[in-house]
């Protein structure tokens, strides 16, 4: 019963995170590392081990958009989340990145 309550809460949270879309501050696109990166789609992963936080980010010439965010507890959730992002936005690839100690690493 406790597990059912947990999964119900997590499902609602994941759907809310998926629907949240936010443009980051305008100056973000003009600061490193984003300034020197080409326009495109990126995945920011908080760490190598599970659970981890995953963000799908779209960079344009003048803006950075947080398109989706998720907490992944295992490899299946991670893969499913990336597949859903690719399908939703008709992407052939997303550049993986990793956040370490407040900075972004490819």
C-alpha atoms as a PDB file:
ATOM      1  CA  UNK A   1       0.000   0.000   0.000  1.00  0.00           C
ATOM      2  CA  UNK A   2       2.819   2.402   0.876  1.00  0.00           C
ATOM      3  CA  UNK A   3       4.480   1.675  -2.472  1.00  0.00           C
ATOM      4  CA  UNK A   4       1.225   2.472  -4.308  1.00  0.00           C
ATOM      5  CA  UNK A   5       1.004   5.838  -2.557  1.00  0.00           C
ATOM      6  CA  UNK A   6       4.643   6.561  -3.433  1.00  0.00           C
ATOM      7  CA  UNK A   7       4.203   5.679  -7.123  1.00  0.00           C
ATOM      8  CA  UNK A   8       1.017   7.770  -7.331  1.00  0.00           C
ATOM      9  CA  UNK A   9       2.834  10.817  -5.957  1.00  0.00           C
ATOM     10  CA  UNK A  10       5.873  10.226  -8.202  1.00  0.00           C
ATOM     11  CA  UNK A  11       3.701   9.855 -11.315  1.00  0.00           C
ATOM     12  CA  UNK A  12       1.984  13.188 -10.633  1.00  0.00           C
ATOM     13  CA  UNK A  13       5.316  14.851  -9.887  1.00  0.00           C
ATOM     14  CA  UNK A  14       6.908  13.501 -13.067  1.00  0.00           C
ATOM     15  CA  UNK A  15       4.023  14.713 -15.218  1.00  0.00           C
ATOM     16  CA  UNK A  16       4.190  18.173 -13.647  1.00  0.00           C
ATOM     17  CA  UNK A  17       7.964  18.291 -14.225  1.00  0.00           C
ATOM     18  CA  UNK A  18       7.461  17.212 -17.841  1.00  0.00           C
ATOM     19  CA  UNK A  19       4.949  20.033 -18.462  1.00  0.00           C
ATOM     20  CA  UNK A  20       7.099  22.744 -16.863  1.00  0.00           C
ATOM     21  CA  UNK A  21       8.853  24.898 -19.447  1.00  0.00           C
ATOM     22  CA  UNK A  22      10.911  27.890 -18.395  1.00  0.00           C
ATOM     23  CA  UNK A  23      13.176  30.375 -20.113  1.00  0.00           C
ATOM     24  CA  UNK A  24      16.306  31.044 -18.101  1.00  0.00           C
ATOM     25  CA  UNK A  25      17.489  34.612 -17.531  1.00  0.00           C
ATOM     26  CA  UNK A  26      18.367  36.397 -20.781  1.00  0.00           C
ATOM     27  CA  UNK A  27      22.023  36.905 -19.812  1.00  0.00           C
ATOM     28  CA  UNK A  28      22.483  33.133 -19.372  1.00  0.00           C
ATOM     29  CA  UNK A  29      22.881  32.661 -23.140  1.00  0.00           C
ATOM     30  CA  UNK A  30      25.775  35.138 -23.128  1.00  0.00           C
ATOM     31  CA  UNK A  31      27.750  33.509 -20.297  1.00  0.00           C
ATOM     32  CA  UNK A  32      30.037  30.491 -20.459  1.00  0.00           C
ATOM     33  CA  UNK A  33      29.621  27.635 -21.074  1.00  0.00           C
ATOM     34  CA  UNK A  34      26.471  28.452 -23.090  1.00  0.00           C
ATOM     35  CA  UNK A  35      28.040  31.371 -24.944  1.00  0.00           C
ATOM     36  CA  UNK A  36      30.474  29.171 -26.874  1.00  0.00           C
ATOM     37  CA  UNK A  37      28.068  26.279 -27.468  1.00  0.00           C
ATOM     38  CA  UNK A  38      26.149  25.854 -30.734  1.00  0.00           C
ATOM     39  CA  UNK A  39      22.369  26.111 -30.810  1.00  0.00           C
ATOM     40  CA  UNK A  40      20.692  22.801 -30.117  1.00  0.00           C
ATOM     41  CA  UNK A  41      19.294  20.416 -27.529  1.00  0.00           C
ATOM     42  CA  UNK A  42      21.248  19.302 -24.473  1.00  0.00           C
ATOM     43  CA  UNK A  43      20.733  16.903 -21.592  1.00  0.00           C
ATOM     44  CA  UNK A  44      22.108  17.969 -18.231  1.00  0.00           C
ATOM     45  CA  UNK A  45      22.615  15.112 -15.837  1.00  0.00           C
ATOM     46  CA  UNK A  46      23.399  15.891 -12.200  1.00  0.00           C
ATOM     47  CA  UNK A  47      25.591  12.831 -11.607  1.00  0.00           C
ATOM     48  CA  UNK A  48      26.520   9.322 -12.768  1.00  0.00           C
ATOM     49  CA  UNK A  49      24.724   7.397 -10.020  1.00  0.00           C
ATOM     50  CA  UNK A  50      20.992   7.000  -9.437  1.00  0.00           C
ATOM     51  CA  UNK A  51      18.887   8.756  -8.342  1.00  0.00           C
ATOM     52  CA  UNK A  52      19.819  11.761 -10.476  1.00  0.00           C
ATOM     53  CA  UNK A  53      18.259  14.925 -11.801  1.00  0.00           C
ATOM     54  CA  UNK A  54      17.934  15.239 -15.561  1.00  0.00           C
ATOM     55  CA  UNK A  55      17.091  18.359 -17.560  1.00  0.00           C
ATOM     56  CA  UNK A  56      16.424  18.742 -21.262  1.00  0.00           C
ATOM     57  CA  UNK A  57      17.625  22.177 -22.370  1.00  0.00           C
ATOM     58  CA  UNK A  58      17.230  23.938 -25.695  1.00  0.00           C
ATOM     59  CA  UNK A  59      19.758  26.610 -26.592  1.00  0.00           C
ATOM     60  CA  UNK A  60      18.941  29.224 -29.200  1.00  0.00           C
ATOM     61  CA  UNK A  61      21.034  32.195 -30.249  1.00  0.00           C
ATOM     62  CA  UNK A  62      19.545  34.501 -27.619  1.00  0.00           C
ATOM     63  CA  UNK A  63      17.952  32.224 -25.039  1.00  0.00           C
ATOM     64  CA  UNK A  64      18.218  29.062 -22.968  1.00  0.00           C
ATOM     65  CA  UNK A  65      15.021  27.089 -22.340  1.00  0.00           C
ATOM     66  CA  UNK A  66      14.544  24.454 -19.663  1.00  0.00           C
ATOM     67  CA  UNK A  67      12.114  22.283 -21.608  1.00  0.00           C
ATOM     68  CA  UNK A  68      11.724  19.368 -19.197  1.00  0.00           C
ATOM     69  CA  UNK A  69      13.080  18.158 -15.878  1.00  0.00           C
ATOM     70  CA  UNK A  70      12.941  14.796 -14.136  1.00  0.00           C
ATOM     71  CA  UNK A  71      14.268  12.757 -11.267  1.00  0.00           C
ATOM     72  CA  UNK A  72      15.411   9.370 -12.567  1.00  0.00           C
ATOM     73  CA  UNK A  73      15.711   6.532 -10.084  1.00  0.00           C
ATOM     74  CA  UNK A  74      17.040   3.917 -12.528  1.00  0.00           C
ATOM     75  CA  UNK A  75      18.282   3.341 -16.080  1.00  0.00           C
ATOM     76  CA  UNK A  76      14.811   2.492 -17.401  1.00  0.00           C
ATOM     77  CA  UNK A  77      13.411   5.847 -16.269  1.00  0.00           C
ATOM     78  CA  UNK A  78      16.395   7.653 -17.776  1.00  0.00           C
ATOM     79  CA  UNK A  79      16.028   5.901 -21.135  1.00  0.00           C
ATOM     80  CA  UNK A  80      12.254   6.380 -21.174  1.00  0.00           C
ATOM     81  CA  UNK A  81      12.591  10.067 -20.392  1.00  0.00           C
ATOM     82  CA  UNK A  82      15.138  10.640 -23.181  1.00  0.00           C
ATOM     83  CA  UNK A  83      13.018   8.680 -25.662  1.00  0.00           C
ATOM     84  CA  UNK A  84       9.963  10.744 -24.752  1.00  0.00           C
ATOM     85  CA  UNK A  85      11.912  14.007 -25.235  1.00  0.00           C
ATOM     86  CA  UNK A  86      13.181  12.843 -28.633  1.00  0.00           C
ATOM     87  CA  UNK A  87       9.707  11.810 -29.752  1.00  0.00           C
ATOM     88  CA  UNK A  88       7.960  14.943 -28.452  1.00  0.00           C
ATOM     89  CA  UNK A  89      10.405  17.355 -30.079  1.00  0.00           C
ATOM     90  CA  UNK A  90      11.208  15.231 -33.164  1.00  0.00           C
ATOM     91  CA  UNK A  91      14.907  15.028 -32.278  1.00  0.00           C
ATOM     92  CA  UNK A  92      17.444  12.700 -33.807  1.00  0.00           C
ATOM     93  CA  UNK A  93      19.988  13.345 -31.070  1.00  0.00           C
ATOM     94  CA  UNK A  94      20.509  15.210 -27.816  1.00  0.00           C
ATOM     95  CA  UNK A  95      23.989  16.182 -26.611  1.00  0.00           C
ATOM     96  CA  UNK A  96      24.637  14.619 -23.196  1.00  0.00           C
ATOM     97  CA  UNK A  97      26.217  16.838 -20.555  1.00  0.00           C
ATOM     98  CA  UNK A  98      27.010  16.353 -16.903  1.00  0.00           C
ATOM     99  CA  UNK A  99      26.839  18.921 -14.111  1.00  0.00           C
ATOM    100  CA  UNK A 100      29.692  18.634 -11.673  1.00  0.00           C
ATOM    101  CA  UNK A 101      30.216  21.009  -8.769  1.00  0.00           C
ATOM    102  CA  UNK A 102      28.112  23.720 -10.362  1.00  0.00           C
ATOM    103  CA  UNK A 103      29.708  23.612 -13.812  1.00  0.00           C
ATOM    104  CA  UNK A 104      28.736  21.827 -17.019  1.00  0.00           C
ATOM    105  CA  UNK A 105      30.875  19.118 -18.623  1.00  0.00           C
ATOM    106  CA  UNK A 106      30.340  17.424 -21.989  1.00  0.00           C
END
